[in-house]
Amino acid sequence: MSILGLKTDSAICEIWLDDEIFRWEAGRELAQKLLGKIIEVTPLSEISGVVVFRGGGSFTGLRIGITVANSLADALGVPIVGETGEDWREKATEKLARKVDEKVVLPFYDREANITKPKK
């Protein structure tokens, strides 16, 4: 059984599996490729918990990554926790060790979303 970690706050995405890290440049293909990349790294049945980076960072990247993390945790019936900061993974993993389960992780946006106004 393994702890899955996701960090999708920039174009370079990270999937953590216990102490291994897998990085790839997702660019605009994060929504299409994230779940497939997770399955390449580990069978879903091997995931015993999920840790996810909450932000700050890319509004869309955080939204996609956290949605996938929440969905996986719910579907697999495993605990999920989220954290921020440079040591996010260590803090989140420690929460899991204490049997914390946030059930749903929400993103932390460090600034207002830059949403393009309609032209009309």
PDB file of N, CA and C in Angstrom:
ATOM      1  N   MET A   1       0.849  -1.176   0.000  1.00  0.00           N
ATOM      2  CA  MET A   1       0.000   0.000   0.000  1.00  0.00           C
ATOM      3  C   MET A   1       0.894   1.239   0.000  1.00  0.00           C
ATOM      4  N   SER A   2       0.444   2.292  -0.712  1.00  0.00           N
ATOM      5  CA  SER A   2       1.265   3.477  -0.920  1.00  0.00           C
ATOM      6  C   SER A   2       0.472   4.758  -0.695  1.00  0.00           C
ATOM      7  N   ILE A   3       1.205   5.793  -0.319  1.00  0.00           N
ATOM      8  CA  ILE A   3       0.634   7.134  -0.207  1.00  0.00           C
ATOM      9  C   ILE A   3       0.881   7.843  -1.531  1.00  0.00           C
ATOM     10  N   LEU A   4      -0.186   8.360  -2.130  1.00  0.00           N
ATOM     11  CA  LEU A   4      -0.105   9.115  -3.379  1.00  0.00           C
ATOM     12  C   LEU A   4      -0.104  10.599  -3.058  1.00  0.00           C
ATOM     13  N   GLY A   5       0.824  11.342  -3.643  1.00  0.00           N
ATOM     14  CA  GLY A   5       0.864  12.789  -3.491  1.00  0.00           C
ATOM     15  C   GLY A   5       0.740  13.467  -4.842  1.00  0.00           C
ATOM     16  N   LEU A   6      -0.009  14.583  -4.880  1.00  0.00           N
ATOM     17  CA  LEU A   6      -0.182  15.343  -6.123  1.00  0.00           C
ATOM     18  C   LEU A   6       0.155  16.801  -5.890  1.00  0.00           C
ATOM     19  N   LYS A   7       0.895  17.382  -6.829  1.00  0.00           N
ATOM     20  CA  LYS A   7       1.210  18.818  -6.804  1.00  0.00           C
ATOM     21  C   LYS A   7       1.035  19.324  -8.226  1.00  0.00           C
ATOM     22  N   THR A   8      -0.027  20.102  -8.439  1.00  0.00           N
ATOM     23  CA  THR A   8      -0.391  20.538  -9.797  1.00  0.00           C
ATOM     24  C   THR A   8      -0.526  22.060  -9.874  1.00  0.00           C
ATOM     25  N   ASP A   9       0.341  22.762  -9.176  1.00  0.00           N
ATOM     26  CA  ASP A   9       0.241  24.219  -9.099  1.00  0.00           C
ATOM     27  C   ASP A   9       0.945  24.946 -10.235  1.00  0.00           C
ATOM     28  N   SER A  10       1.625  24.212 -11.121  1.00  0.00           N
ATOM     29  CA  SER A  10       2.336  24.847 -12.233  1.00  0.00           C
ATOM     30  C   SER A  10       2.299  23.908 -13.439  1.00  0.00           C
ATOM     31  N   ALA A  11       2.921  24.319 -14.527  1.00  0.00           N
ATOM     32  CA  ALA A  11       2.939  23.496 -15.740  1.00  0.00           C
ATOM     33  C   ALA A  11       3.712  22.193 -15.529  1.00  0.00           C
ATOM     34  N   ILE A  12       4.675  22.200 -14.589  1.00  0.00           N
ATOM     35  CA  ILE A  12       5.402  20.987 -14.238  1.00  0.00           C
ATOM     36  C   ILE A  12       4.662  20.333 -13.083  1.00  0.00           C
ATOM     37  N   CYS A  13       4.042  19.208 -13.348  1.00  0.00           N
ATOM     38  CA  CYS A  13       3.235  18.527 -12.341  1.00  0.00           C
ATOM     39  C   CYS A  13       4.049  17.430 -11.675  1.00  0.00           C
ATOM     40  N   GLU A  14       3.679  17.133 -10.430  1.00  0.00           N
ATOM     41  CA  GLU A  14       4.390  16.119  -9.666  1.00  0.00           C
ATOM     42  C   GLU A  14       3.417  15.092  -9.120  1.00  0.00           C
ATOM     43  N   ILE A  15       3.794  13.842  -9.279  1.00  0.00           N
ATOM     44  CA  ILE A  15       3.100  12.736  -8.643  1.00  0.00           C
ATOM     45  C   ILE A  15       4.121  12.089  -7.717  1.00  0.00           C
ATOM     46  N   TRP A  16       3.776  12.016  -6.453  1.00  0.00           N
ATOM     47  CA  TRP A  16       4.628  11.372  -5.455  1.00  0.00           C
ATOM     48  C   TRP A  16       4.020  10.026  -5.129  1.00  0.00           C
ATOM     49  N   LEU A  17       4.855   9.033  -5.029  1.00  0.00           N
ATOM     50  CA  LEU A  17       4.420   7.719  -4.578  1.00  0.00           C
ATOM     51  C   LEU A  17       5.414   7.290  -3.510  1.00  0.00           C
ATOM     52  N   ASP A  18       4.978   7.368  -2.271  1.00  0.00           N
ATOM     53  CA  ASP A  18       5.860   7.163  -1.129  1.00  0.00           C
ATOM     54  C   ASP A  18       7.056   8.105  -1.274  1.00  0.00           C
ATOM     55  N   ASP A  19       8.258   7.592  -1.521  1.00  0.00           N
ATOM     56  CA  ASP A  19       9.436   8.467  -1.613  1.00  0.00           C
ATOM     57  C   ASP A  19       9.895   8.719  -3.043  1.00  0.00           C
ATOM     58  N   GLU A  20       9.163   8.215  -4.028  1.00  0.00           N
ATOM     59  CA  GLU A  20       9.508   8.448  -5.429  1.00  0.00           C
ATOM     60  C   GLU A  20       8.713   9.626  -5.963  1.00  0.00           C
ATOM     61  N   ILE A  21       9.353  10.403  -6.849  1.00  0.00           N
ATOM     62  CA  ILE A  21       8.654  11.531  -7.464  1.00  0.00           C
ATOM     63  C   ILE A  21       8.728  11.381  -8.983  1.00  0.00           C
ATOM     64  N   PHE A  22       7.598  11.641  -9.614  1.00  0.00           N
ATOM     65  CA  PHE A  22       7.502  11.603 -11.072  1.00  0.00           C
ATOM     66  C   PHE A  22       7.040  12.982 -11.517  1.00  0.00           C
ATOM     67  N   ARG A  23       7.817  13.623 -12.388  1.00  0.00           N
ATOM     68  CA  ARG A  23       7.472  14.962 -12.886  1.00  0.00           C
ATOM     69  C   ARG A  23       7.260  14.894 -14.394  1.00  0.00           C
ATOM     70  N   TRP A  24       6.336  15.722 -14.862  1.00  0.00           N
ATOM     71  CA  TRP A  24       6.173  15.868 -16.302  1.00  0.00           C
ATOM     72  C   TRP A  24       5.569  17.241 -16.579  1.00  0.00           C
ATOM     73  N   GLU A  25       5.828  17.716 -17.786  1.00  0.00           N
ATOM     74  CA  GLU A  25       5.286  19.004 -18.192  1.00  0.00           C
ATOM     75  C   GLU A  25       3.901  18.767 -18.781  1.00  0.00           C
ATOM     76  N   ALA A  26       2.883  19.110 -17.992  1.00  0.00           N
ATOM     77  CA  ALA A  26       1.502  18.858 -18.403  1.00  0.00           C
ATOM     78  C   ALA A  26       0.979  19.959 -19.313  1.00  0.00           C
ATOM     79  N   GLY A  27       1.432  21.195 -19.089  1.00  0.00           N
ATOM     80  CA  GLY A  27       0.930  22.300 -19.894  1.00  0.00           C
ATOM     81  C   GLY A  27      -0.583  22.355 -19.854  1.00  0.00           C
ATOM     82  N   ARG A  28      -1.190  22.406 -21.026  1.00  0.00           N
ATOM     83  CA  ARG A  28      -2.657  22.476 -21.113  1.00  0.00           C
ATOM     84  C   ARG A  28      -3.318  21.102 -21.185  1.00  0.00           C
ATOM     85  N   GLU A  29      -2.564  20.043 -20.940  1.00  0.00           N
ATOM     86  CA  GLU A  29      -3.117  18.685 -21.023  1.00  0.00           C
ATOM     87  C   GLU A  29      -3.303  18.042 -19.656  1.00  0.00           C
ATOM     88  N   LEU A  30      -3.255  18.819 -18.587  1.00  0.00           N
ATOM     89  CA  LEU A  30      -3.359  18.266 -17.238  1.00  0.00           C
ATOM     90  C   LEU A  30      -4.655  17.498 -17.045  1.00  0.00           C
ATOM     91  N   ALA A  31      -5.785  18.083 -17.408  1.00  0.00           N
ATOM     92  CA  ALA A  31      -7.080  17.431 -17.203  1.00  0.00           C
ATOM     93  C   ALA A  31      -7.186  16.120 -17.982  1.00  0.00           C
ATOM     94  N   GLN A  32      -6.608  16.078 -19.172  1.00  0.00           N
ATOM     95  CA  GLN A  32      -6.695  14.879 -19.994  1.00  0.00           C
ATOM     96  C   GLN A  32      -5.735  13.787 -19.539  1.00  0.00           C
ATOM     97  N   LYS A  33      -4.602  14.163 -18.929  1.00  0.00           N
ATOM     98  CA  LYS A  33      -3.541  13.181 -18.702  1.00  0.00           C
ATOM     99  C   LYS A  33      -3.285  12.809 -17.246  1.00  0.00           C
ATOM    100  N   LEU A  34      -3.781  13.574 -16.281  1.00  0.00           N
ATOM    101  CA  LEU A  34      -3.398  13.346 -14.892  1.00  0.00           C
ATOM    102  C   LEU A  34      -3.763  11.943 -14.401  1.00  0.00           C
ATOM    103  N   LEU A  35      -4.971  11.529 -14.574  1.00  0.00           N
ATOM    104  CA  LEU A  35      -5.371  10.209 -14.083  1.00  0.00           C
ATOM    105  C   LEU A  35      -4.569   9.104 -14.773  1.00  0.00           C
ATOM    106  N   GLY A  36      -4.351   9.223 -16.062  1.00  0.00           N
ATOM    107  CA  GLY A  36      -3.546   8.239 -16.788  1.00  0.00           C
ATOM    108  C   GLY A  36      -2.125   8.165 -16.262  1.00  0.00           C
ATOM    109  N   LYS A  37      -1.545   9.305 -15.925  1.00  0.00           N
ATOM    110  CA  LYS A  37      -0.189   9.329 -15.354  1.00  0.00           C
ATOM    111  C   LYS A  37      -0.166   8.648 -13.996  1.00  0.00           C
ATOM    112  N   ILE A  38      -1.201   8.874 -13.180  1.00  0.00           N
ATOM    113  CA  ILE A  38      -1.273   8.225 -11.870  1.00  0.00           C
ATOM    114  C   ILE A  38      -1.327   6.711 -12.050  1.00  0.00           C
ATOM    115  N   ILE A  39      -2.138   6.241 -12.986  1.00  0.00           N
ATOM    116  CA  ILE A  39      -2.275   4.803 -13.236  1.00  0.00           C
ATOM    117  C   ILE A  39      -0.973   4.214 -13.779  1.00  0.00           C
ATOM    118  N   GLU A  40      -0.187   4.995 -14.541  1.00  0.00           N
ATOM    119  CA  GLU A  40       1.123   4.532 -15.007  1.00  0.00           C
ATOM    120  C   GLU A  40       2.062   4.280 -13.837  1.00  0.00           C
ATOM    121  N   VAL A  41       1.924   5.075 -12.785  1.00  0.00           N
ATOM    122  CA  VAL A  41       2.831   5.015 -11.637  1.00  0.00           C
ATOM    123  C   VAL A  41       2.446   3.899 -10.673  1.00  0.00           C
ATOM    124  N   THR A  42       1.158   3.670 -10.455  1.00  0.00           N
ATOM    125  CA  THR A  42       0.718   2.665  -9.482  1.00  0.00           C
ATOM    126  C   THR A  42      -0.693   2.187  -9.796  1.00  0.00           C
ATOM    127  N   PRO A  43      -0.979   0.935  -9.511  1.00  0.00           N
ATOM    128  CA  PRO A  43      -2.374   0.497  -9.606  1.00  0.00           C
ATOM    129  C   PRO A  43      -3.191   1.236  -8.550  1.00  0.00           C
ATOM    130  N   LEU A  44      -4.380   1.662  -8.906  1.00  0.00           N
ATOM    131  CA  LEU A  44      -5.206   2.412  -7.963  1.00  0.00           C
ATOM    132  C   LEU A  44      -5.482   1.607  -6.690  1.00  0.00           C
ATOM    133  N   SER A  45      -5.555   0.294  -6.812  1.00  0.00           N
ATOM    134  CA  SER A  45      -5.831  -0.555  -5.645  1.00  0.00           C
ATOM    135  C   SER A  45      -4.705  -0.525  -4.615  1.00  0.00           C
ATOM    136  N   GLU A  46      -3.535  -0.013  -4.987  1.00  0.00           N
ATOM    137  CA  GLU A  46      -2.393   0.059  -4.072  1.00  0.00           C
ATOM    138  C   GLU A  46      -2.366   1.351  -3.260  1.00  0.00           C
ATOM    139  N   ILE A  47      -3.256   2.297  -3.551  1.00  0.00           N
ATOM    140  CA  ILE A  47      -3.245   3.596  -2.866  1.00  0.00           C
ATOM    141  C   ILE A  47      -3.964   3.458  -1.529  1.00  0.00           C
ATOM    142  N   SER A  48      -3.252   3.826  -0.443  1.00  0.00           N
ATOM    143  CA  SER A  48      -3.836   3.736   0.896  1.00  0.00           C
ATOM    144  C   SER A  48      -4.153   5.106   1.495  1.00  0.00           C
ATOM    145  N   GLY A  49      -3.719   6.172   0.831  1.00  0.00           N
ATOM    146  CA  GLY A  49      -3.988   7.527   1.279  1.00  0.00           C
ATOM    147  C   GLY A  49      -3.536   8.517   0.219  1.00  0.00           C
ATOM    148  N   VAL A  50      -4.100   9.733   0.265  1.00  0.00           N
ATOM    149  CA  VAL A  50      -3.783  10.761  -0.727  1.00  0.00           C
ATOM    150  C   VAL A  50      -3.394  12.042   0.002  1.00  0.00           C
ATOM    151  N   VAL A  51      -2.268  12.628  -0.423  1.00  0.00           N
ATOM    152  CA  VAL A  51      -1.872  13.956   0.047  1.00  0.00           C
ATOM    153  C   VAL A  51      -1.807  14.860  -1.175  1.00  0.00           C
ATOM    154  N   VAL A  52      -2.246  16.105  -1.002  1.00  0.00           N
ATOM    155  CA  VAL A  52      -2.321  17.002  -2.155  1.00  0.00           C
ATOM    156  C   VAL A  52      -1.885  18.403  -1.743  1.00  0.00           C
ATOM    157  N   PHE A  53      -1.170  19.073  -2.655  1.00  0.00           N
ATOM    158  CA  PHE A  53      -0.753  20.459  -2.457  1.00  0.00           C
ATOM    159  C   PHE A  53      -1.953  21.354  -2.713  1.00  0.00           C
ATOM    160  N   ARG A  54      -2.302  22.198  -1.737  1.00  0.00           N
ATOM    161  CA  ARG A  54      -3.493  23.053  -1.822  1.00  0.00           C
ATOM    162  C   ARG A  54      -3.233  24.390  -2.497  1.00  0.00           C
ATOM    163  N   GLY A  55      -2.005  24.853  -2.574  1.00  0.00           N
ATOM    164  CA  GLY A  55      -1.731  26.151  -3.181  1.00  0.00           C
ATOM    165  C   GLY A  55      -0.777  26.964  -2.355  1.00  0.00           C
ATOM    166  N   GLY A  56      -0.507  28.154  -2.810  1.00  0.00           N
ATOM    167  CA  GLY A  56      -0.931  28.888  -3.962  1.00  0.00           C
ATOM    168  C   GLY A  56      -0.327  28.351  -5.263  1.00  0.00           C
ATOM    169  N   GLY A  57      -0.776  28.954  -6.311  1.00  0.00           N
ATOM    170  CA  GLY A  57      -0.314  28.569  -7.628  1.00  0.00           C
ATOM    171  C   GLY A  57      -1.403  28.752  -8.660  1.00  0.00           C
ATOM    172  N   SER A  58      -1.263  28.047  -9.758  1.00  0.00           N
ATOM    173  CA  SER A  58      -2.182  28.144 -10.883  1.00  0.00           C
ATOM    174  C   SER A  58      -3.606  27.781 -10.465  1.00  0.00           C
ATOM    175  N   PHE A  59      -4.533  28.698 -10.701  1.00  0.00           N
ATOM    176  CA  PHE A  59      -5.948  28.485 -10.367  1.00  0.00           C
ATOM    177  C   PHE A  59      -6.453  27.204 -11.018  1.00  0.00           C
ATOM    178  N   THR A  60      -6.249  27.053 -12.305  1.00  0.00           N
ATOM    179  CA  THR A  60      -6.764  25.897 -13.035  1.00  0.00           C
ATOM    180  C   THR A  60      -6.030  24.625 -12.638  1.00  0.00           C
ATOM    181  N   GLY A  61      -4.712  24.682 -12.515  1.00  0.00           N
ATOM    182  CA  GLY A  61      -3.943  23.501 -12.126  1.00  0.00           C
ATOM    183  C   GLY A  61      -4.340  22.984 -10.755  1.00  0.00           C
ATOM    184  N   LEU A  62      -4.494  23.880  -9.792  1.00  0.00           N
ATOM    185  CA  LEU A  62      -4.917  23.468  -8.455  1.00  0.00           C
ATOM    186  C   LEU A  62      -6.310  22.857  -8.494  1.00  0.00           C
ATOM    187  N   ARG A  63      -7.190  23.500  -9.216  1.00  0.00           N
ATOM    188  CA  ARG A  63      -8.577  23.017  -9.300  1.00  0.00           C
ATOM    189  C   ARG A  63      -8.622  21.605  -9.883  1.00  0.00           C
ATOM    190  N   ILE A  64      -7.881  21.361 -10.941  1.00  0.00           N
ATOM    191  CA  ILE A  64      -7.868  20.035 -11.573  1.00  0.00           C
ATOM    192  C   ILE A  64      -7.238  19.001 -10.651  1.00  0.00           C
ATOM    193  N   GLY A  65      -6.062  19.290 -10.128  1.00  0.00           N
ATOM    194  CA  GLY A  65      -5.361  18.329  -9.276  1.00  0.00           C
ATOM    195  C   GLY A  65      -6.125  17.983  -8.022  1.00  0.00           C
ATOM    196  N   ILE A  66      -6.708  18.974  -7.376  1.00  0.00           N
ATOM    197  CA  ILE A  66      -7.443  18.726  -6.139  1.00  0.00           C
ATOM    198  C   ILE A  66      -8.740  17.981  -6.423  1.00  0.00           C
ATOM    199  N   THR A  67      -9.368  18.262  -7.545  1.00  0.00           N
ATOM    200  CA  THR A  67     -10.572  17.513  -7.915  1.00  0.00           C
ATOM    201  C   THR A  67     -10.249  16.044  -8.139  1.00  0.00           C
ATOM    202  N   VAL A  68      -9.167  15.763  -8.841  1.00  0.00           N
ATOM    203  CA  VAL A  68      -8.758  14.368  -9.062  1.00  0.00           C
ATOM    204  C   VAL A  68      -8.415  13.708  -7.727  1.00  0.00           C
ATOM    205  N   ALA A  69      -7.685  14.405  -6.859  1.00  0.00           N
ATOM    206  CA  ALA A  69      -7.311  13.848  -5.555  1.00  0.00           C
ATOM    207  C   ALA A  69      -8.552  13.539  -4.719  1.00  0.00           C
ATOM    208  N   ASN A  70      -9.486  14.486  -4.633  1.00  0.00           N
ATOM    209  CA  ASN A  70     -10.714  14.261  -3.870  1.00  0.00           C
ATOM    210  C   ASN A  70     -11.518  13.091  -4.444  1.00  0.00           C
ATOM    211  N   SER A  71     -11.623  13.031  -5.762  1.00  0.00           N
ATOM    212  CA  SER A  71     -12.388  11.968  -6.415  1.00  0.00           C
ATOM    213  C   SER A  71     -11.765  10.596  -6.163  1.00  0.00           C
ATOM    214  N   LEU A  72     -10.433  10.515  -6.281  1.00  0.00           N
ATOM    215  CA  LEU A  72      -9.759   9.245  -6.031  1.00  0.00           C
ATOM    216  C   LEU A  72      -9.954   8.787  -4.592  1.00  0.00           C
ATOM    217  N   ALA A  73      -9.730   9.693  -3.646  1.00  0.00           N
ATOM    218  CA  ALA A  73      -9.869   9.330  -2.235  1.00  0.00           C
ATOM    219  C   ALA A  73     -11.280   8.839  -1.944  1.00  0.00           C
ATOM    220  N   ASP A  74     -12.276   9.529  -2.473  1.00  0.00           N
ATOM    221  CA  ASP A  74     -13.664   9.131  -2.244  1.00  0.00           C
ATOM    222  C   ASP A  74     -13.956   7.775  -2.880  1.00  0.00           C
ATOM    223  N   ALA A  75     -13.566   7.602  -4.133  1.00  0.00           N
ATOM    224  CA  ALA A  75     -13.854   6.359  -4.843  1.00  0.00           C
ATOM    225  C   ALA A  75     -13.138   5.157  -4.230  1.00  0.00           C
ATOM    226  N   LEU A  76     -11.918   5.374  -3.739  1.00  0.00           N
ATOM    227  CA  LEU A  76     -11.139   4.282  -3.166  1.00  0.00           C
ATOM    228  C   LEU A  76     -11.411   4.081  -1.676  1.00  0.00           C
ATOM    229  N   GLY A  77     -12.103   5.041  -1.071  1.00  0.00           N
ATOM    230  CA  GLY A  77     -12.385   4.946   0.353  1.00  0.00           C
ATOM    231  C   GLY A  77     -11.150   5.091   1.217  1.00  0.00           C
ATOM    232  N   VAL A  78     -10.218   5.973   0.784  1.00  0.00           N
ATOM    233  CA  VAL A  78      -8.981   6.194   1.539  1.00  0.00           C
ATOM    234  C   VAL A  78      -8.963   7.627   2.053  1.00  0.00           C
ATOM    235  N   PRO A  79      -8.172   7.902   3.095  1.00  0.00           N
ATOM    236  CA  PRO A  79      -8.106   9.261   3.633  1.00  0.00           C
ATOM    237  C   PRO A  79      -7.369  10.214   2.696  1.00  0.00           C
ATOM    238  N   ILE A  80      -7.722  11.500   2.805  1.00  0.00           N
ATOM    239  CA  ILE A  80      -7.077  12.553   2.027  1.00  0.00           C
ATOM    240  C   ILE A  80      -6.797  13.740   2.937  1.00  0.00           C
ATOM    241  N   VAL A  81      -5.634  14.363   2.731  1.00  0.00           N
ATOM    242  CA  VAL A  81      -5.290  15.588   3.443  1.00  0.00           C
ATOM    243  C   VAL A  81      -4.571  16.514   2.472  1.00  0.00           C
ATOM    244  N   GLY A  82      -4.678  17.810   2.722  1.00  0.00           N
ATOM    245  CA  GLY A  82      -4.013  18.809   1.900  1.00  0.00           C
ATOM    246  C   GLY A  82      -3.173  19.730   2.760  1.00  0.00           C
ATOM    247  N   GLU A  83      -2.152  20.317   2.156  1.00  0.00           N
ATOM    248  CA  GLU A  83      -1.267  21.258   2.857  1.00  0.00           C
ATOM    249  C   GLU A  83      -0.716  22.275   1.869  1.00  0.00           C
ATOM    250  N   THR A  84      -0.126  23.325   2.440  1.00  0.00           N
ATOM    251  CA  THR A  84       0.529  24.374   1.667  1.00  0.00           C
ATOM    252  C   THR A  84       1.978  24.489   2.127  1.00  0.00           C
ATOM    253  N   GLY A  85       2.753  25.312   1.429  1.00  0.00           N
ATOM    254  CA  GLY A  85       4.120  25.603   1.840  1.00  0.00           C
ATOM    255  C   GLY A  85       5.148  24.675   1.226  1.00  0.00           C
ATOM    256  N   GLU A  86       6.411  25.007   1.484  1.00  0.00           N
ATOM    257  CA  GLU A  86       7.520  24.229   0.936  1.00  0.00           C
ATOM    258  C   GLU A  86       7.530  22.791   1.448  1.00  0.00           C
ATOM    259  N   ASP A  87       7.139  22.594   2.701  1.00  0.00           N
ATOM    260  CA  ASP A  87       7.160  21.267   3.306  1.00  0.00           C
ATOM    261  C   ASP A  87       5.769  20.623   3.328  1.00  0.00           C
ATOM    262  N   TRP A  88       4.966  20.932   2.328  1.00  0.00           N
ATOM    263  CA  TRP A  88       3.584  20.471   2.260  1.00  0.00           C
ATOM    264  C   TRP A  88       3.460  18.960   2.387  1.00  0.00           C
ATOM    265  N   ARG A  89       4.332  18.245   1.701  1.00  0.00           N
ATOM    266  CA  ARG A  89       4.229  16.785   1.676  1.00  0.00           C
ATOM    267  C   ARG A  89       4.523  16.179   3.039  1.00  0.00           C
ATOM    268  N   GLU A  90       5.545  16.683   3.700  1.00  0.00           N
ATOM    269  CA  GLU A  90       5.885  16.176   5.032  1.00  0.00           C
ATOM    270  C   GLU A  90       4.750  16.442   6.028  1.00  0.00           C
ATOM    271  N   LYS A  91       4.212  17.678   5.979  1.00  0.00           N
ATOM    272  CA  LYS A  91       3.110  18.021   6.892  1.00  0.00           C
ATOM    273  C   LYS A  91       1.878  17.164   6.606  1.00  0.00           C
ATOM    274  N   ALA A  92       1.561  16.961   5.339  1.00  0.00           N
ATOM    275  CA  ALA A  92       0.380  16.176   4.983  1.00  0.00           C
ATOM    276  C   ALA A  92       0.563  14.703   5.349  1.00  0.00           C
ATOM    277  N   THR A  93       1.746  14.169   5.102  1.00  0.00           N
ATOM    278  CA  THR A  93       2.016  12.774   5.441  1.00  0.00           C
ATOM    279  C   THR A  93       1.930  12.559   6.949  1.00  0.00           C
ATOM    280  N   GLU A  94       2.377  13.542   7.719  1.00  0.00           N
ATOM    281  CA  GLU A  94       2.298  13.457   9.177  1.00  0.00           C
ATOM    282  C   GLU A  94       0.840  13.448   9.628  1.00  0.00           C
ATOM    283  N   LYS A  95       0.001  14.240   8.955  1.00  0.00           N
ATOM    284  CA  LYS A  95      -1.438  14.230   9.264  1.00  0.00           C
ATOM    285  C   LYS A  95      -2.028  12.840   9.041  1.00  0.00           C
ATOM    286  N   LEU A  96      -1.670  12.221   7.912  1.00  0.00           N
ATOM    287  CA  LEU A  96      -2.175  10.874   7.633  1.00  0.00           C
ATOM    288  C   LEU A  96      -1.715   9.890   8.705  1.00  0.00           C
ATOM    289  N   ALA A  97      -0.478  10.031   9.151  1.00  0.00           N
ATOM    290  CA  ALA A  97       0.041   9.145  10.198  1.00  0.00           C
ATOM    291  C   ALA A  97      -0.757   9.291  11.493  1.00  0.00           C
ATOM    292  N   ARG A  98      -1.318  10.486  11.736  1.00  0.00           N
ATOM    293  CA  ARG A  98      -2.149  10.728  12.915  1.00  0.00           C
ATOM    294  C   ARG A  98      -3.610  10.353  12.661  1.00  0.00           C
ATOM    295  N   LYS A  99      -3.871   9.713  11.521  1.00  0.00           N
ATOM    296  CA  LYS A  99      -5.218   9.247  11.151  1.00  0.00           C
ATOM    297  C   LYS A  99      -6.189  10.383  10.822  1.00  0.00           C
ATOM    298  N   VAL A 100      -5.669  11.535  10.393  1.00  0.00           N
ATOM    299  CA  VAL A 100      -6.523  12.641   9.964  1.00  0.00           C
ATOM    300  C   VAL A 100      -7.076  12.301   8.576  1.00  0.00           C
ATOM    301  N   ASP A 101      -8.335  12.566   8.369  1.00  0.00           N
ATOM    302  CA  ASP A 101      -8.970  12.428   7.058  1.00  0.00           C
ATOM    303  C   ASP A 101      -9.849  13.659   6.860  1.00  0.00           C
ATOM    304  N   GLU A 102      -9.426  14.555   5.964  1.00  0.00           N
ATOM    305  CA  GLU A 102     -10.183  15.787   5.738  1.00  0.00           C
ATOM    306  C   GLU A 102     -11.420  15.556   4.875  1.00  0.00           C
ATOM    307  N   LYS A 103     -11.579  14.374   4.324  1.00  0.00           N
ATOM    308  CA  LYS A 103     -12.706  13.992   3.459  1.00  0.00           C
ATOM    309  C   LYS A 103     -12.735  14.760   2.146  1.00  0.00           C
ATOM    310  N   VAL A 104     -12.653  16.084   2.211  1.00  0.00           N
ATOM    311  CA  VAL A 104     -12.616  16.939   1.012  1.00  0.00           C
ATOM    312  C   VAL A 104     -11.574  18.025   1.252  1.00  0.00           C
ATOM    313  N   VAL A 105     -10.643  18.163   0.323  1.00  0.00           N
ATOM    314  CA  VAL A 105      -9.629  19.207   0.389  1.00  0.00           C
ATOM    315  C   VAL A 105     -10.041  20.336  -0.538  1.00  0.00           C
ATOM    316  N   LEU A 106      -9.948  21.560  -0.048  1.00  0.00           N
ATOM    317  CA  LEU A 106     -10.258  22.738  -0.860  1.00  0.00           C
ATOM    318  C   LEU A 106      -8.969  23.466  -1.210  1.00  0.00           C
ATOM    319  N   PRO A 107      -8.903  24.068  -2.400  1.00  0.00           N
ATOM    320  CA  PRO A 107      -7.695  24.795  -2.786  1.00  0.00           C
ATOM    321  C   PRO A 107      -7.527  26.088  -1.996  1.00  0.00           C
ATOM    322  N   PHE A 108      -6.281  26.512  -1.884  1.00  0.00           N
ATOM    323  CA  PHE A 108      -5.943  27.803  -1.301  1.00  0.00           C
ATOM    324  C   PHE A 108      -5.397  28.653  -2.442  1.00  0.00           C
ATOM    325  N   TYR A 109      -6.143  29.672  -2.823  1.00  0.00           N
ATOM    326  CA  TYR A 109      -5.701  30.574  -3.881  1.00  0.00           C
ATOM    327  C   TYR A 109      -5.072  31.785  -3.219  1.00  0.00           C
ATOM    328  N   ASP A 110      -3.823  32.054  -3.568  1.00  0.00           N
ATOM    329  CA  ASP A 110      -3.102  33.152  -2.927  1.00  0.00           C
ATOM    330  C   ASP A 110      -3.373  34.511  -3.562  1.00  0.00           C
ATOM    331  N   ARG A 111      -4.265  34.540  -4.540  1.00  0.00           N
ATOM    332  CA  ARG A 111      -4.642  35.807  -5.192  1.00  0.00           C
ATOM    333  C   ARG A 111      -5.973  35.589  -5.912  1.00  0.00           C
ATOM    334  N   GLU A 112      -6.582  36.667  -6.330  1.00  0.00           N
ATOM    335  CA  GLU A 112      -7.822  36.574  -7.094  1.00  0.00           C
ATOM    336  C   GLU A 112      -7.552  35.905  -8.437  1.00  0.00           C
ATOM    337  N   ALA A 113      -8.507  35.138  -8.917  1.00  0.00           N
ATOM    338  CA  ALA A 113      -8.387  34.505 -10.230  1.00  0.00           C
ATOM    339  C   ALA A 113      -8.364  35.584 -11.318  1.00  0.00           C
ATOM    340  N   ASN A 114      -7.525  35.383 -12.327  1.00  0.00           N
ATOM    341  CA  ASN A 114      -7.452  36.300 -13.456  1.00  0.00           C
ATOM    342  C   ASN A 114      -8.369  35.747 -14.544  1.00  0.00           C
ATOM    343  N   ILE A 115      -9.599  36.181 -14.522  1.00  0.00           N
ATOM    344  CA  ILE A 115     -10.609  35.686 -15.450  1.00  0.00           C
ATOM    345  C   ILE A 115     -10.833  36.729 -16.550  1.00  0.00           C
ATOM    346  N   THR A 116     -10.683  36.298 -17.785  1.00  0.00           N
ATOM    347  CA  THR A 116     -10.836  37.196 -18.928  1.00  0.00           C
ATOM    348  C   THR A 116     -12.293  37.622 -19.044  1.00  0.00           C
ATOM    349  N   LYS A 117     -12.504  38.924 -19.215  1.00  0.00           N
ATOM    350  CA  LYS A 117     -13.857  39.457 -19.369  1.00  0.00           C
ATOM    351  C   LYS A 117     -14.356  39.176 -20.773  1.00  0.00           C
ATOM    352  N   PRO A 118     -15.650  38.875 -20.924  1.00  0.00           N
ATOM    353  CA  PRO A 118     -16.220  38.668 -22.257  1.00  0.00           C
ATOM    354  C   PRO A 118     -16.057  39.952 -23.097  1.00  0.00           C
ATOM    355  N   LYS A 119     -15.887  39.779 -24.399  1.00  0.00           N
ATOM    356  CA  LYS A 119     -15.702  40.928 -25.287  1.00  0.00           C
ATOM    357  C   LYS A 119     -16.985  41.683 -25.532  1.00  0.00           C
ATOM    358  N   LYS A 120     -18.121  41.065 -25.351  1.00  0.00           N
ATOM    359  CA  LYS A 120     -19.403  41.743 -25.618  1.00  0.00           C
ATOM    360  C   LYS A 120     -20.008  42.244 -24.350  1.00  0.00           C
TER     361      LYS A 120
END
